[in-house]
Amino acid sequence: MFIGLVGGQANRVPATATAYGHRSHQYVINVHARWEPPAQDRACTSWAREFFQAAAPYSTGGVYVNFMSEDETGVDRVAQAYGPNYQRLVELKRKYDPKNLFSRNQNIRPATAR
């Protein structure tokens, strides 16, 4: 489990000044699960997901987009990553990338309105 300090200068920037809007918190936690051999995939993935679920009630519910796993691509989870800035980013995507050419990873879809 990685615990990173994101307070200080990051919190001096207004939440709406950049895409990253979770600027009022002091720490970010990321659950890293790494193992070998591949035969342990199911057990280790289960452990990491169980830990994440157990810790969730103590979190803000926000997420840092670069910490999201490949299965966290749903609109609601992506919206959580951008917090108060999500709708503004959807509008920018509609304007500058309406065909969704840039659609890798945790994509902000141009037609997604919340």
Protein backbone atom coordinates (compact mmCIF):
# COMPACT_ATOMS: atom_id res chain seq x y z
CA MET A 1 0.00 0.00 0.00
CA PHE A 2 1.46 3.33 -1.07
CA ILE A 3 0.57 6.40 0.99
CA GLY A 4 1.63 9.66 -0.59
CA LEU A 5 1.56 13.16 0.82
CA VAL A 6 -0.18 15.52 -1.61
CA GLY A 7 -0.72 18.47 0.69
CA GLY A 8 1.36 21.62 0.65
CA GLN A 9 1.71 23.30 -2.73
CA ALA A 10 -0.87 20.99 -4.37
CA ASN A 11 -3.48 22.31 -1.93
CA ARG A 12 -2.65 25.94 -2.68
CA VAL A 13 -3.98 25.60 -6.23
CA PRO A 14 -7.76 26.03 -6.60
CA ALA A 15 -9.59 22.74 -7.26
CA THR A 16 -10.92 24.07 -10.55
CA ALA A 17 -7.57 25.39 -11.84
CA THR A 18 -6.52 22.07 -13.40
CA ALA A 19 -8.15 18.76 -14.30
CA TYR A 20 -7.14 17.26 -10.93
CA GLY A 21 -9.72 18.52 -8.48
CA HIS A 22 -9.03 16.65 -5.24
CA ARG A 23 -6.86 19.36 -3.73
CA SER A 24 -8.28 19.60 -0.23
CA HIS A 25 -6.83 16.30 1.04
CA GLN A 26 -3.44 15.65 2.55
CA TYR A 27 -2.84 12.05 1.46
CA VAL A 28 -3.50 9.63 -1.37
CA ILE A 29 -3.43 5.86 -0.95
CA ASN A 30 -2.79 3.42 -3.77
CA VAL A 31 -3.08 -0.34 -3.40
CA HIS A 32 -0.23 -1.96 -5.35
CA ALA A 33 -0.33 -5.70 -5.83
CA ARG A 34 2.73 -7.28 -7.41
CA TRP A 35 3.65 -10.93 -7.40
CA GLU A 36 5.23 -13.83 -9.17
CA PRO A 37 4.50 -16.48 -10.42
CA PRO A 38 1.39 -15.99 -12.58
CA ALA A 39 -0.23 -18.94 -10.80
CA GLN A 40 -0.88 -16.51 -7.93
CA ASP A 41 -2.84 -14.05 -10.08
CA ARG A 42 -6.28 -14.92 -8.74
CA ALA A 43 -5.26 -14.96 -5.07
CA CYS A 44 -3.26 -11.73 -5.23
CA THR A 45 -5.84 -9.86 -7.30
CA SER A 46 -8.53 -10.96 -4.84
CA TRP A 47 -6.43 -9.80 -1.89
CA ALA A 48 -5.89 -6.37 -3.43
CA ARG A 49 -9.57 -5.92 -4.29
CA GLU A 50 -10.68 -7.08 -0.84
CA PHE A 51 -8.27 -4.65 0.80
CA PHE A 52 -9.53 -1.84 -1.43
CA GLN A 53 -13.16 -2.61 -0.51
CA ALA A 54 -12.33 -2.82 3.21
CA ALA A 55 -10.55 0.56 3.10
CA ALA A 56 -13.21 2.30 0.95
CA PRO A 57 -15.48 3.36 3.85
CA TYR A 58 -12.57 5.38 5.27
CA SER A 59 -11.85 7.20 2.02
CA THR A 60 -13.35 10.25 0.36
CA GLY A 61 -14.44 8.17 -2.62
CA GLY A 62 -12.20 10.18 -4.91
CA VAL A 63 -9.59 8.60 -7.12
CA TYR A 64 -6.37 9.75 -8.76
CA VAL A 65 -6.68 8.99 -12.48
CA ASN A 66 -3.11 7.69 -12.78
CA PHE A 67 -3.78 5.13 -10.04
CA MET A 68 -6.87 3.66 -11.71
CA SER A 69 -6.66 0.11 -12.94
CA GLU A 70 -7.61 -1.00 -16.45
CA ASP A 71 -11.02 -2.20 -15.24
CA GLU A 72 -11.93 1.24 -13.84
CA THR A 73 -13.12 2.82 -17.07
CA GLY A 74 -16.79 3.40 -16.26
CA VAL A 75 -18.20 6.90 -16.51
CA ASP A 76 -18.93 7.15 -12.78
CA ARG A 77 -15.42 6.15 -11.74
CA VAL A 78 -13.78 8.45 -14.29
CA ALA A 79 -16.03 11.28 -13.05
CA GLN A 80 -14.81 10.58 -9.50
CA ALA A 81 -11.24 11.06 -10.70
CA TYR A 82 -11.93 14.60 -11.90
CA GLY A 83 -14.35 15.59 -9.16
CA PRO A 84 -15.74 19.10 -9.62
CA ASN A 85 -14.00 19.44 -12.98
CA TYR A 86 -15.53 16.49 -14.78
CA GLN A 87 -18.41 18.26 -16.54
CA ARG A 88 -16.11 21.03 -17.75
CA LEU A 89 -13.74 18.37 -19.17
CA VAL A 90 -16.67 16.66 -20.94
CA GLU A 91 -17.52 19.97 -22.59
CA LEU A 92 -13.89 20.45 -23.68
CA LYS A 93 -13.85 16.92 -25.06
CA ARG A 94 -17.05 17.61 -27.04
CA LYS A 95 -15.49 20.73 -28.49
CA TYR A 96 -11.98 19.52 -29.31
CA ASP A 97 -12.34 15.74 -29.69
CA PRO A 98 -16.00 15.03 -30.57
CA LYS A 99 -15.08 11.77 -32.36
CA ASN A 100 -13.18 10.57 -29.29
CA LEU A 101 -9.88 10.01 -31.10
CA PHE A 102 -8.01 10.27 -27.79
CA SER A 103 -9.80 7.45 -26.00
CA ARG A 104 -7.16 5.35 -24.24
CA ASN A 105 -7.14 4.48 -20.56
CA GLN A 106 -9.67 6.27 -18.36
CA ASN A 107 -11.41 8.16 -21.11
CA ILE A 108 -13.59 11.21 -20.76
CA ARG A 109 -16.25 10.53 -23.35
CA PRO A 110 -17.47 13.58 -25.29
CA ALA A 111 -21.13 12.52 -25.18
CA THR A 112 -21.16 11.82 -21.45
CA ALA A 113 -23.27 14.22 -19.48
CA ARG A 114 -23.82 13.78 -15.76
